[in-house]
């Protein structure tokens, strides 16, 4: 089974776009550097947008458990 890689960041342009450029799934968290509407500033948009880091971790755990 292929390994899926997730990157969790607050910076949509430098971090999320970069992660997605190498084939990882970018998860944008709405904390720190995040500004309203950032998820619409790159194409493709982040794979997921979460309100917090713990929410992002829960999402990843859920995705992994569904694949097992």
PDB file of N, CA and C in Angstrom:
ATOM      1  N   UNK A   1       0.854  -1.180   0.000  1.00  0.00           N
ATOM      2  CA  UNK A   1       0.000   0.000   0.000  1.00  0.00           C
ATOM      3  C   UNK A   1       0.898   1.240   0.000  1.00  0.00           C
ATOM      4  N   UNK A   2       0.640   2.209  -0.884  1.00  0.00           N
ATOM      5  CA  UNK A   2       1.459   3.430  -0.925  1.00  0.00           C
ATOM      6  C   UNK A   2       1.272   4.267   0.340  1.00  0.00           C
ATOM      7  N   UNK A   3       2.326   4.943   0.710  1.00  0.00           N
ATOM      8  CA  UNK A   3       2.285   5.813   1.881  1.00  0.00           C
ATOM      9  C   UNK A   3       1.785   7.181   1.462  1.00  0.00           C
ATOM     10  N   UNK A   4       0.827   7.686   2.188  1.00  0.00           N
ATOM     11  CA  UNK A   4       0.300   9.021   1.920  1.00  0.00           C
ATOM     12  C   UNK A   4       0.959   9.989   2.892  1.00  0.00           C
ATOM     13  N   UNK A   5       1.414  11.117   2.384  1.00  0.00           N
ATOM     14  CA  UNK A   5       2.105  12.096   3.220  1.00  0.00           C
ATOM     15  C   UNK A   5       1.242  13.331   3.381  1.00  0.00           C
ATOM     16  N   UNK A   6       1.112  13.774   4.614  1.00  0.00           N
ATOM     17  CA  UNK A   6       0.372  14.986   4.933  1.00  0.00           C
ATOM     18  C   UNK A   6       1.337  16.012   5.518  1.00  0.00           C
ATOM     19  N   UNK A   7       1.196  17.255   5.124  1.00  0.00           N
ATOM     20  CA  UNK A   7       1.923  18.357   5.728  1.00  0.00           C
ATOM     21  C   UNK A   7       0.897  19.308   6.326  1.00  0.00           C
ATOM     22  N   UNK A   8       1.113  19.713   7.567  1.00  0.00           N
ATOM     23  CA  UNK A   8       0.202  20.616   8.259  1.00  0.00           C
ATOM     24  C   UNK A   8       0.930  21.941   8.470  1.00  0.00           C
ATOM     25  N   UNK A   9       0.378  23.019   7.901  1.00  0.00           N
ATOM     26  CA  UNK A   9       1.019  24.326   7.965  1.00  0.00           C
ATOM     27  C   UNK A   9      -0.005  25.442   8.105  1.00  0.00           C
ATOM     28  N   UNK A  10       0.506  26.638   8.426  1.00  0.00           N
ATOM     29  CA  UNK A  10      -0.309  27.849   8.532  1.00  0.00           C
ATOM     30  C   UNK A  10      -0.110  28.773   7.334  1.00  0.00           C
ATOM     31  N   UNK A  11       0.938  28.557   6.578  1.00  0.00           N
ATOM     32  CA  UNK A  11       1.292  29.440   5.458  1.00  0.00           C
ATOM     33  C   UNK A  11       0.908  28.774   4.145  1.00  0.00           C
ATOM     34  N   UNK A  12      -0.097  29.304   3.489  1.00  0.00           N
ATOM     35  CA  UNK A  12      -0.644  28.644   2.308  1.00  0.00           C
ATOM     36  C   UNK A  12       0.287  28.711   1.100  1.00  0.00           C
ATOM     37  N   UNK A  13       0.921  29.834   0.868  1.00  0.00           N
ATOM     38  CA  UNK A  13       1.739  29.986  -0.347  1.00  0.00           C
ATOM     39  C   UNK A  13       3.058  29.218  -0.251  1.00  0.00           C
ATOM     40  N   UNK A  14       3.838  29.479   0.763  1.00  0.00           N
ATOM     41  CA  UNK A  14       5.159  28.865   0.848  1.00  0.00           C
ATOM     42  C   UNK A  14       5.088  27.403   1.281  1.00  0.00           C
ATOM     43  N   UNK A  15       4.285  27.107   2.270  1.00  0.00           N
ATOM     44  CA  UNK A  15       4.291  25.770   2.846  1.00  0.00           C
ATOM     45  C   UNK A  15       3.312  24.803   2.178  1.00  0.00           C
ATOM     46  N   UNK A  16       2.048  25.157   2.127  1.00  0.00           N
ATOM     47  CA  UNK A  16       1.046  24.255   1.543  1.00  0.00           C
ATOM     48  C   UNK A  16       1.316  24.058   0.050  1.00  0.00           C
ATOM     49  N   UNK A  17       1.520  25.131  -0.680  1.00  0.00           N
ATOM     50  CA  UNK A  17       1.786  25.017  -2.119  1.00  0.00           C
ATOM     51  C   UNK A  17       3.040  24.184  -2.379  1.00  0.00           C
ATOM     52  N   UNK A  18       4.073  24.387  -1.558  1.00  0.00           N
ATOM     53  CA  UNK A  18       5.304  23.615  -1.704  1.00  0.00           C
ATOM     54  C   UNK A  18       5.095  22.137  -1.429  1.00  0.00           C
ATOM     55  N   UNK A  19       4.364  21.834  -0.380  1.00  0.00           N
ATOM     56  CA  UNK A  19       4.082  20.441  -0.040  1.00  0.00           C
ATOM     57  C   UNK A  19       3.315  19.760  -1.167  1.00  0.00           C
ATOM     58  N   UNK A  20       2.332  20.449  -1.692  1.00  0.00           N
ATOM     59  CA  UNK A  20       1.516  19.867  -2.755  1.00  0.00           C
ATOM     60  C   UNK A  20       2.300  19.737  -4.053  1.00  0.00           C
ATOM     61  N   UNK A  21       3.282  20.606  -4.251  1.00  0.00           N
ATOM     62  CA  UNK A  21       4.109  20.531  -5.458  1.00  0.00           C
ATOM     63  C   UNK A  21       4.945  19.251  -5.488  1.00  0.00           C
ATOM     64  N   UNK A  22       5.238  18.670  -4.311  1.00  0.00           N
ATOM     65  CA  UNK A  22       6.011  17.428  -4.273  1.00  0.00           C
ATOM     66  C   UNK A  22       5.118  16.204  -4.086  1.00  0.00           C
ATOM     67  N   UNK A  23       3.811  16.396  -4.168  1.00  0.00           N
ATOM     68  CA  UNK A  23       2.883  15.270  -4.117  1.00  0.00           C
ATOM     69  C   UNK A  23       2.291  14.948  -2.760  1.00  0.00           C
ATOM     70  N   UNK A  24       2.582  15.770  -1.753  1.00  0.00           N
ATOM     71  CA  UNK A  24       1.995  15.560  -0.427  1.00  0.00           C
ATOM     72  C   UNK A  24       0.629  16.228  -0.381  1.00  0.00           C
ATOM     73  N   UNK A  25      -0.145  15.878   0.612  1.00  0.00           N
ATOM     74  CA  UNK A  25      -1.447  16.528   0.804  1.00  0.00           C
ATOM     75  C   UNK A  25      -1.268  17.630   1.837  1.00  0.00           C
ATOM     76  N   UNK A  26      -1.593  18.839   1.457  1.00  0.00           N
ATOM     77  CA  UNK A  26      -1.428  19.979   2.346  1.00  0.00           C
ATOM     78  C   UNK A  26      -2.669  20.231   3.178  1.00  0.00           C
ATOM     79  N   UNK A  27      -2.459  20.348   4.484  1.00  0.00           N
ATOM     80  CA  UNK A  27      -3.551  20.684   5.395  1.00  0.00           C
ATOM     81  C   UNK A  27      -3.265  22.066   5.963  1.00  0.00           C
ATOM     82  N   UNK A  28      -4.126  23.004   5.663  1.00  0.00           N
ATOM     83  CA  UNK A  28      -3.991  24.380   6.151  1.00  0.00           C
ATOM     84  C   UNK A  28      -4.724  24.510   7.474  1.00  0.00           C
ATOM     85  N   UNK A  29      -4.025  25.016   8.491  1.00  0.00           N
ATOM     86  CA  UNK A  29      -4.680  25.273   9.770  1.00  0.00           C
ATOM     87  C   UNK A  29      -4.898  26.774   9.924  1.00  0.00           C
ATOM     88  N   UNK A  30      -6.052  27.113  10.441  1.00  0.00           N
ATOM     89  CA  UNK A  30      -6.450  28.518  10.576  1.00  0.00           C
ATOM     90  C   UNK A  30      -5.925  29.115  11.881  1.00  0.00           C
ATOM     91  N   UNK A  31      -4.611  29.103  12.021  1.00  0.00           N
ATOM     92  CA  UNK A  31      -3.954  29.676  13.193  1.00  0.00           C
ATOM     93  C   UNK A  31      -2.732  30.455  12.730  1.00  0.00           C
ATOM     94  N   UNK A  32      -2.124  31.218  13.617  1.00  0.00           N
ATOM     95  CA  UNK A  32      -0.853  31.886  13.312  1.00  0.00           C
ATOM     96  C   UNK A  32      -0.889  32.760  12.081  1.00  0.00           C
ATOM     97  N   UNK A  33      -0.193  32.351  11.016  1.00  0.00           N
ATOM     98  CA  UNK A  33      -0.075  33.141   9.783  1.00  0.00           C
ATOM     99  C   UNK A  33      -1.362  33.177   8.954  1.00  0.00           C
ATOM    100  N   UNK A  34      -2.280  32.275   9.214  1.00  0.00           N
ATOM    101  CA  UNK A  34      -3.500  32.180   8.407  1.00  0.00           C
ATOM    102  C   UNK A  34      -4.272  33.495   8.402  1.00  0.00           C
ATOM    103  N   UNK A  35      -4.769  33.858   7.226  1.00  0.00           N
ATOM    104  CA  UNK A  35      -5.672  34.997   7.056  1.00  0.00           C
ATOM    105  C   UNK A  35      -6.900  34.511   6.293  1.00  0.00           C
ATOM    106  N   UNK A  36      -8.046  35.066   6.620  1.00  0.00           N
ATOM    107  CA  UNK A  36      -9.304  34.657   5.981  1.00  0.00           C
ATOM    108  C   UNK A  36      -9.156  34.646   4.462  1.00  0.00           C
ATOM    109  N   UNK A  37      -9.563  33.553   3.859  1.00  0.00           N
ATOM    110  CA  UNK A  37      -9.513  33.427   2.413  1.00  0.00           C
ATOM    111  C   UNK A  37      -8.218  32.858   1.865  1.00  0.00           C
ATOM    112  N   UNK A  38      -7.232  32.586   2.727  1.00  0.00           N
ATOM    113  CA  UNK A  38      -5.956  32.044   2.246  1.00  0.00           C
ATOM    114  C   UNK A  38      -6.140  30.764   1.449  1.00  0.00           C
ATOM    115  N   UNK A  39      -7.113  29.955   1.823  1.00  0.00           N
ATOM    116  CA  UNK A  39      -7.315  28.681   1.136  1.00  0.00           C
ATOM    117  C   UNK A  39      -7.677  28.858  -0.335  1.00  0.00           C
ATOM    118  N   UNK A  40      -8.093  30.059  -0.716  1.00  0.00           N
ATOM    119  CA  UNK A  40      -8.459  30.349  -2.106  1.00  0.00           C
ATOM    120  C   UNK A  40      -7.332  30.995  -2.900  1.00  0.00           C
ATOM    121  N   UNK A  41      -6.166  31.154  -2.293  1.00  0.00           N
ATOM    122  CA  UNK A  41      -5.062  31.878  -2.936  1.00  0.00           C
ATOM    123  C   UNK A  41      -4.112  30.995  -3.722  1.00  0.00           C
ATOM    124  N   UNK A  42      -4.280  29.680  -3.676  1.00  0.00           N
ATOM    125  CA  UNK A  42      -3.413  28.793  -4.452  1.00  0.00           C
ATOM    126  C   UNK A  42      -4.265  27.801  -5.243  1.00  0.00           C
ATOM    127  N   UNK A  43      -3.649  27.267  -6.296  1.00  0.00           N
ATOM    128  CA  UNK A  43      -4.331  26.272  -7.104  1.00  0.00           C
ATOM    129  C   UNK A  43      -3.348  25.137  -7.372  1.00  0.00           C
ATOM    130  N   UNK A  44      -3.670  23.936  -7.013  1.00  0.00           N
ATOM    131  CA  UNK A  44      -4.912  23.536  -6.373  1.00  0.00           C
ATOM    132  C   UNK A  44      -4.968  24.025  -4.924  1.00  0.00           C
ATOM    133  N   UNK A  45      -6.171  24.140  -4.391  1.00  0.00           N
ATOM    134  CA  UNK A  45      -6.316  24.580  -3.003  1.00  0.00           C
ATOM    135  C   UNK A  45      -5.805  23.495  -2.047  1.00  0.00           C
ATOM    136  N   UNK A  46      -5.639  23.831  -0.769  1.00  0.00           N
ATOM    137  CA  UNK A  46      -5.219  22.815   0.194  1.00  0.00           C
ATOM    138  C   UNK A  46      -6.153  21.605   0.155  1.00  0.00           C
ATOM    139  N   UNK A  47      -5.594  20.446   0.426  1.00  0.00           N
ATOM    140  CA  UNK A  47      -6.403  19.225   0.442  1.00  0.00           C
ATOM    141  C   UNK A  47      -7.475  19.315   1.523  1.00  0.00           C
ATOM    142  N   UNK A  48      -7.104  19.931   2.656  1.00  0.00           N
ATOM    143  CA  UNK A  48      -8.034  20.096   3.770  1.00  0.00           C
ATOM    144  C   UNK A  48      -7.735  21.413   4.468  1.00  0.00           C
ATOM    145  N   UNK A  49      -8.742  21.978   5.099  1.00  0.00           N
ATOM    146  CA  UNK A  49      -8.581  23.184   5.920  1.00  0.00           C
ATOM    147  C   UNK A  49      -9.173  22.855   7.286  1.00  0.00           C
ATOM    148  N   UNK A  50      -8.388  23.085   8.337  1.00  0.00           N
ATOM    149  CA  UNK A  50      -8.822  22.773   9.699  1.00  0.00           C
ATOM    150  C   UNK A  50      -8.700  24.013  10.577  1.00  0.00           C
ATOM    151  N   UNK A  51      -9.490  24.061  11.612  1.00  0.00           N
ATOM    152  CA  UNK A  51      -9.476  25.196  12.531  1.00  0.00           C
ATOM    153  C   UNK A  51      -8.270  25.195  13.454  1.00  0.00           C
ATOM    154  N   UNK A  52      -7.704  24.022  13.700  1.00  0.00           N
ATOM    155  CA  UNK A  52      -6.602  23.925  14.656  1.00  0.00           C
ATOM    156  C   UNK A  52      -5.708  22.734  14.315  1.00  0.00           C
ATOM    157  N   UNK A  53      -4.531  22.706  14.934  1.00  0.00           N
ATOM    158  CA  UNK A  53      -3.626  21.586  14.741  1.00  0.00           C
ATOM    159  C   UNK A  53      -4.234  20.272  15.260  1.00  0.00           C
ATOM    160  N   UNK A  54      -4.838  20.271  16.467  1.00  0.00           N
ATOM    161  CA  UNK A  54      -5.460  19.023  16.926  1.00  0.00           C
ATOM    162  C   UNK A  54      -6.534  18.502  15.958  1.00  0.00           C
ATOM    163  N   UNK A  55      -7.286  19.403  15.351  1.00  0.00           N
ATOM    164  CA  UNK A  55      -8.294  18.978  14.369  1.00  0.00           C
ATOM    165  C   UNK A  55      -7.617  18.331  13.163  1.00  0.00           C
ATOM    166  N   UNK A  56      -6.489  18.882  12.743  1.00  0.00           N
ATOM    167  CA  UNK A  56      -5.748  18.310  11.617  1.00  0.00           C
ATOM    168  C   UNK A  56      -5.240  16.909  11.959  1.00  0.00           C
ATOM    169  N   UNK A  57      -4.727  16.731  13.167  1.00  0.00           N
ATOM    170  CA  UNK A  57      -4.251  15.419  13.603  1.00  0.00           C
ATOM    171  C   UNK A  57      -5.409  14.421  13.609  1.00  0.00           C
ATOM    172  N   UNK A  58      -6.556  14.824  14.128  1.00  0.00           N
ATOM    173  CA  UNK A  58      -7.732  13.946  14.135  1.00  0.00           C
ATOM    174  C   UNK A  58      -8.112  13.535  12.720  1.00  0.00           C
ATOM    175  N   UNK A  59      -8.060  14.466  11.787  1.00  0.00           N
ATOM    176  CA  UNK A  59      -8.393  14.186  10.394  1.00  0.00           C
ATOM    177  C   UNK A  59      -7.429  13.157   9.812  1.00  0.00           C
ATOM    178  N   UNK A  60      -6.138  13.332  10.076  1.00  0.00           N
ATOM    179  CA  UNK A  60      -5.134  12.390   9.567  1.00  0.00           C
ATOM    180  C   UNK A  60      -5.364  10.998  10.155  1.00  0.00           C
ATOM    181  N   UNK A  61      -5.583  10.918  11.451  1.00  0.00           N
ATOM    182  CA  UNK A  61      -5.826   9.638  12.112  1.00  0.00           C
ATOM    183  C   UNK A  61      -7.068   8.972  11.516  1.00  0.00           C
ATOM    184  N   UNK A  62      -8.095   9.747  11.282  1.00  0.00           N
ATOM    185  CA  UNK A  62      -9.336   9.218  10.675  1.00  0.00           C
ATOM    186  C   UNK A  62      -9.058   8.663   9.282  1.00  0.00           C
ATOM    187  N   UNK A  63      -8.307   9.407   8.465  1.00  0.00           N
ATOM    188  CA  UNK A  63      -7.980   8.961   7.105  1.00  0.00           C
ATOM    189  C   UNK A  63      -7.183   7.664   7.138  1.00  0.00           C
ATOM    190  N   UNK A  64      -6.207   7.586   8.037  1.00  0.00           N
ATOM    191  CA  UNK A  64      -5.362   6.396   8.131  1.00  0.00           C
ATOM    192  C   UNK A  64      -6.183   5.193   8.600  1.00  0.00           C
ATOM    193  N   UNK A  65      -7.044   5.404   9.588  1.00  0.00           N
ATOM    194  CA  UNK A  65      -7.828   4.272  10.115  1.00  0.00           C
ATOM    195  C   UNK A  65      -8.827   3.751   9.077  1.00  0.00           C
ATOM    196  N   UNK A  66      -9.346   4.620   8.217  1.00  0.00           N
ATOM    197  CA  UNK A  66     -10.265   4.172   7.165  1.00  0.00           C
ATOM    198  C   UNK A  66      -9.561   3.316   6.124  1.00  0.00           C
ATOM    199  N   UNK A  67      -8.262   3.592   5.917  1.00  0.00           N
ATOM    200  CA  UNK A  67      -7.492   2.859   4.902  1.00  0.00           C
ATOM    201  C   UNK A  67      -6.968   1.529   5.419  1.00  0.00           C
ATOM    202  N   UNK A  68      -6.995   1.349   6.732  1.00  0.00           N
ATOM    203  CA  UNK A  68      -6.434   0.101   7.319  1.00  0.00           C
ATOM    204  C   UNK A  68      -7.424  -1.027   7.267  1.00  0.00           C
TER     205      UNK A  68
END
